[in-house]
């Protein structure tokens, strides 16, 4: 079974992003970011706005994929946009994960056994 990777990218909006009107933000997203997301159908991307909660970041991007190369290419394409060249956002943290990665270390491939903790 292929591994599923999930990346939680914590970002903070800069004054450059916040100075754009809602219409300008929407246009940028539709014309630039959505087009990049559509180039990589093997990467499921979701964006979360959390600035109404007290935290270190204002937004979180979540990317899920079984193809790490597609994820890398998607992030490289985004890195070349105004998101990071102006910058509209700063990266606060990136948390890479492997879905159910703990199972691999508990799974004896020869005996096909799953070891449970009690």
C-alpha atoms as a PDB file:
ATOM      1  CA  UNK A   1       0.000   0.000   0.000  1.00  0.00           C
ATOM      2  CA  UNK A   2       1.482   3.397  -0.950  1.00  0.00           C
ATOM      3  CA  UNK A   3       2.246   5.907   1.755  1.00  0.00           C
ATOM      4  CA  UNK A   4       0.045   8.978   2.031  1.00  0.00           C
ATOM      5  CA  UNK A   5       1.903  12.123   3.026  1.00  0.00           C
ATOM      6  CA  UNK A   6       0.169  15.132   4.563  1.00  0.00           C
ATOM      7  CA  UNK A   7       1.892  18.490   4.921  1.00  0.00           C
ATOM      8  CA  UNK A   8       0.551  21.179   7.229  1.00  0.00           C
ATOM      9  CA  UNK A   9       2.045  24.516   6.209  1.00  0.00           C
ATOM     10  CA  UNK A  10       1.481  27.273   8.747  1.00  0.00           C
ATOM     11  CA  UNK A  11       1.657  30.740   7.200  1.00  0.00           C
ATOM     12  CA  UNK A  12       1.285  34.308   8.333  1.00  0.00           C
ATOM     13  CA  UNK A  13      -0.263  36.915   6.038  1.00  0.00           C
ATOM     14  CA  UNK A  14       1.904  39.997   5.496  1.00  0.00           C
ATOM     15  CA  UNK A  15       0.838  43.610   5.109  1.00  0.00           C
ATOM     16  CA  UNK A  16       1.169  43.154   1.337  1.00  0.00           C
ATOM     17  CA  UNK A  17      -1.597  40.530   1.296  1.00  0.00           C
ATOM     18  CA  UNK A  18      -3.740  42.372   3.807  1.00  0.00           C
ATOM     19  CA  UNK A  19      -3.512  45.587   1.774  1.00  0.00           C
ATOM     20  CA  UNK A  20      -5.167  43.869  -1.221  1.00  0.00           C
ATOM     21  CA  UNK A  21      -8.922  44.180  -1.571  1.00  0.00           C
ATOM     22  CA  UNK A  22     -11.080  41.063  -1.261  1.00  0.00           C
ATOM     23  CA  UNK A  23     -11.573  41.202  -5.055  1.00  0.00           C
ATOM     24  CA  UNK A  24      -7.810  41.383  -5.697  1.00  0.00           C
ATOM     25  CA  UNK A  25      -7.195  38.429  -3.393  1.00  0.00           C
ATOM     26  CA  UNK A  26      -9.913  36.408  -5.113  1.00  0.00           C
ATOM     27  CA  UNK A  27      -8.565  37.220  -8.560  1.00  0.00           C
ATOM     28  CA  UNK A  28      -5.035  36.271  -7.566  1.00  0.00           C
ATOM     29  CA  UNK A  29      -6.220  33.005  -6.096  1.00  0.00           C
ATOM     30  CA  UNK A  30      -8.346  32.103  -9.126  1.00  0.00           C
ATOM     31  CA  UNK A  31      -5.805  33.100 -11.769  1.00  0.00           C
ATOM     32  CA  UNK A  32      -2.599  31.924 -10.106  1.00  0.00           C
ATOM     33  CA  UNK A  33      -2.999  29.553  -7.178  1.00  0.00           C
ATOM     34  CA  UNK A  34      -5.996  27.525  -8.391  1.00  0.00           C
ATOM     35  CA  UNK A  35      -4.264  27.041 -11.748  1.00  0.00           C
ATOM     36  CA  UNK A  36      -1.210  25.615  -9.942  1.00  0.00           C
ATOM     37  CA  UNK A  37      -3.395  23.321  -7.817  1.00  0.00           C
ATOM     38  CA  UNK A  38      -5.102  22.018 -10.973  1.00  0.00           C
ATOM     39  CA  UNK A  39      -1.719  21.141 -12.502  1.00  0.00           C
ATOM     40  CA  UNK A  40      -1.177  18.576  -9.759  1.00  0.00           C
ATOM     41  CA  UNK A  41      -4.296  16.395  -9.472  1.00  0.00           C
ATOM     42  CA  UNK A  42      -2.371  13.863  -7.363  1.00  0.00           C
ATOM     43  CA  UNK A  43      -2.036  16.462  -4.599  1.00  0.00           C
ATOM     44  CA  UNK A  44      -5.185  17.333  -2.676  1.00  0.00           C
ATOM     45  CA  UNK A  45      -4.834  20.921  -1.444  1.00  0.00           C
ATOM     46  CA  UNK A  46      -6.985  22.746   1.082  1.00  0.00           C
ATOM     47  CA  UNK A  47      -6.608  26.184   2.628  1.00  0.00           C
ATOM     48  CA  UNK A  48      -7.769  27.239   6.088  1.00  0.00           C
ATOM     49  CA  UNK A  49      -8.178  30.756   7.438  1.00  0.00           C
ATOM     50  CA  UNK A  50      -7.501  30.850  11.176  1.00  0.00           C
ATOM     51  CA  UNK A  51      -6.723  34.510  11.818  1.00  0.00           C
ATOM     52  CA  UNK A  52      -9.792  34.919  14.019  1.00  0.00           C
ATOM     53  CA  UNK A  53      -8.178  32.603  16.575  1.00  0.00           C
ATOM     54  CA  UNK A  54      -5.171  33.610  18.679  1.00  0.00           C
ATOM     55  CA  UNK A  55      -2.216  31.811  17.140  1.00  0.00           C
ATOM     56  CA  UNK A  56       1.192  32.340  15.547  1.00  0.00           C
ATOM     57  CA  UNK A  57      -0.160  31.979  12.026  1.00  0.00           C
ATOM     58  CA  UNK A  58      -3.111  33.306  10.061  1.00  0.00           C
ATOM     59  CA  UNK A  59      -3.550  30.527   7.508  1.00  0.00           C
ATOM     60  CA  UNK A  60      -2.821  26.841   7.053  1.00  0.00           C
ATOM     61  CA  UNK A  61      -2.332  25.038   3.754  1.00  0.00           C
ATOM     62  CA  UNK A  62      -2.848  21.277   3.862  1.00  0.00           C
ATOM     63  CA  UNK A  63      -1.522  19.115   1.038  1.00  0.00           C
ATOM     64  CA  UNK A  64      -2.125  15.354   0.842  1.00  0.00           C
ATOM     65  CA  UNK A  65      -0.471  13.066  -1.674  1.00  0.00           C
ATOM     66  CA  UNK A  66       1.029   9.668  -2.335  1.00  0.00           C
ATOM     67  CA  UNK A  67       3.421  11.266  -4.823  1.00  0.00           C
ATOM     68  CA  UNK A  68       6.104  13.276  -3.036  1.00  0.00           C
ATOM     69  CA  UNK A  69       7.535  14.518  -6.356  1.00  0.00           C
ATOM     70  CA  UNK A  70       4.218  16.139  -7.304  1.00  0.00           C
ATOM     71  CA  UNK A  71       4.065  17.822  -3.908  1.00  0.00           C
ATOM     72  CA  UNK A  72       7.594  19.148  -4.364  1.00  0.00           C
ATOM     73  CA  UNK A  73       6.790  20.500  -7.829  1.00  0.00           C
ATOM     74  CA  UNK A  74       3.572  22.132  -6.604  1.00  0.00           C
ATOM     75  CA  UNK A  75       5.429  23.898  -3.800  1.00  0.00           C
ATOM     76  CA  UNK A  76       8.175  25.031  -6.179  1.00  0.00           C
ATOM     77  CA  UNK A  77       5.555  26.520  -8.510  1.00  0.00           C
ATOM     78  CA  UNK A  78       3.878  28.346  -5.622  1.00  0.00           C
ATOM     79  CA  UNK A  79       7.250  29.564  -4.350  1.00  0.00           C
ATOM     80  CA  UNK A  80       7.773  31.416  -7.646  1.00  0.00           C
ATOM     81  CA  UNK A  81       4.552  33.429  -7.242  1.00  0.00           C
ATOM     82  CA  UNK A  82       3.834  36.613  -5.322  1.00  0.00           C
ATOM     83  CA  UNK A  83       2.832  34.423  -2.371  1.00  0.00           C
ATOM     84  CA  UNK A  84       6.533  34.288  -1.516  1.00  0.00           C
ATOM     85  CA  UNK A  85       8.217  36.827  -3.820  1.00  0.00           C
ATOM     86  CA  UNK A  86       6.413  39.944  -2.566  1.00  0.00           C
ATOM     87  CA  UNK A  87       5.814  38.193  -0.060  1.00  0.00           C
ATOM     88  CA  UNK A  88       2.106  37.859   0.580  1.00  0.00           C
ATOM     89  CA  UNK A  89       2.790  35.190   3.207  1.00  0.00           C
ATOM     90  CA  UNK A  90       5.633  34.060   5.440  1.00  0.00           C
ATOM     91  CA  UNK A  91       6.111  30.430   6.412  1.00  0.00           C
ATOM     92  CA  UNK A  92       5.805  29.933  10.170  1.00  0.00           C
ATOM     93  CA  UNK A  93       6.179  26.155  10.219  1.00  0.00           C
ATOM     94  CA  UNK A  94       5.892  23.083   7.998  1.00  0.00           C
ATOM     95  CA  UNK A  95       4.745  19.845   9.585  1.00  0.00           C
ATOM     96  CA  UNK A  96       5.259  16.822   7.323  1.00  0.00           C
ATOM     97  CA  UNK A  97       3.431  13.629   8.283  1.00  0.00           C
ATOM     98  CA  UNK A  98       2.963  10.065   7.042  1.00  0.00           C
ATOM     99  CA  UNK A  99      -0.565   8.733   7.433  1.00  0.00           C
ATOM    100  CA  UNK A 100      -0.556   5.795   9.838  1.00  0.00           C
ATOM    101  CA  UNK A 101       3.229   5.770   9.677  1.00  0.00           C
ATOM    102  CA  UNK A 102       3.367   4.147  13.091  1.00  0.00           C
ATOM    103  CA  UNK A 103       1.901   0.967  11.591  1.00  0.00           C
ATOM    104  CA  UNK A 104       4.913   0.381   9.383  1.00  0.00           C
ATOM    105  CA  UNK A 105       7.242   0.063  12.349  1.00  0.00           C
ATOM    106  CA  UNK A 106       4.798  -2.295  14.084  1.00  0.00           C
ATOM    107  CA  UNK A 107       4.194  -4.498  11.061  1.00  0.00           C
ATOM    108  CA  UNK A 108       6.338  -7.588  10.616  1.00  0.00           C
ATOM    109  CA  UNK A 109       6.450  -7.973   6.844  1.00  0.00           C
ATOM    110  CA  UNK A 110       7.592 -11.611   7.008  1.00  0.00           C
ATOM    111  CA  UNK A 111       4.968 -12.809   9.459  1.00  0.00           C
ATOM    112  CA  UNK A 112       2.303 -10.348   8.297  1.00  0.00           C
ATOM    113  CA  UNK A 113       1.476  -9.526  11.890  1.00  0.00           C
ATOM    114  CA  UNK A 114       0.358  -6.288  13.415  1.00  0.00           C
ATOM    115  CA  UNK A 115       1.594  -5.738  16.951  1.00  0.00           C
ATOM    116  CA  UNK A 116      -0.834  -3.965  19.228  1.00  0.00           C
ATOM    117  CA  UNK A 117       0.074  -2.015  22.330  1.00  0.00           C
ATOM    118  CA  UNK A 118      -1.984  -2.644  25.436  1.00  0.00           C
END
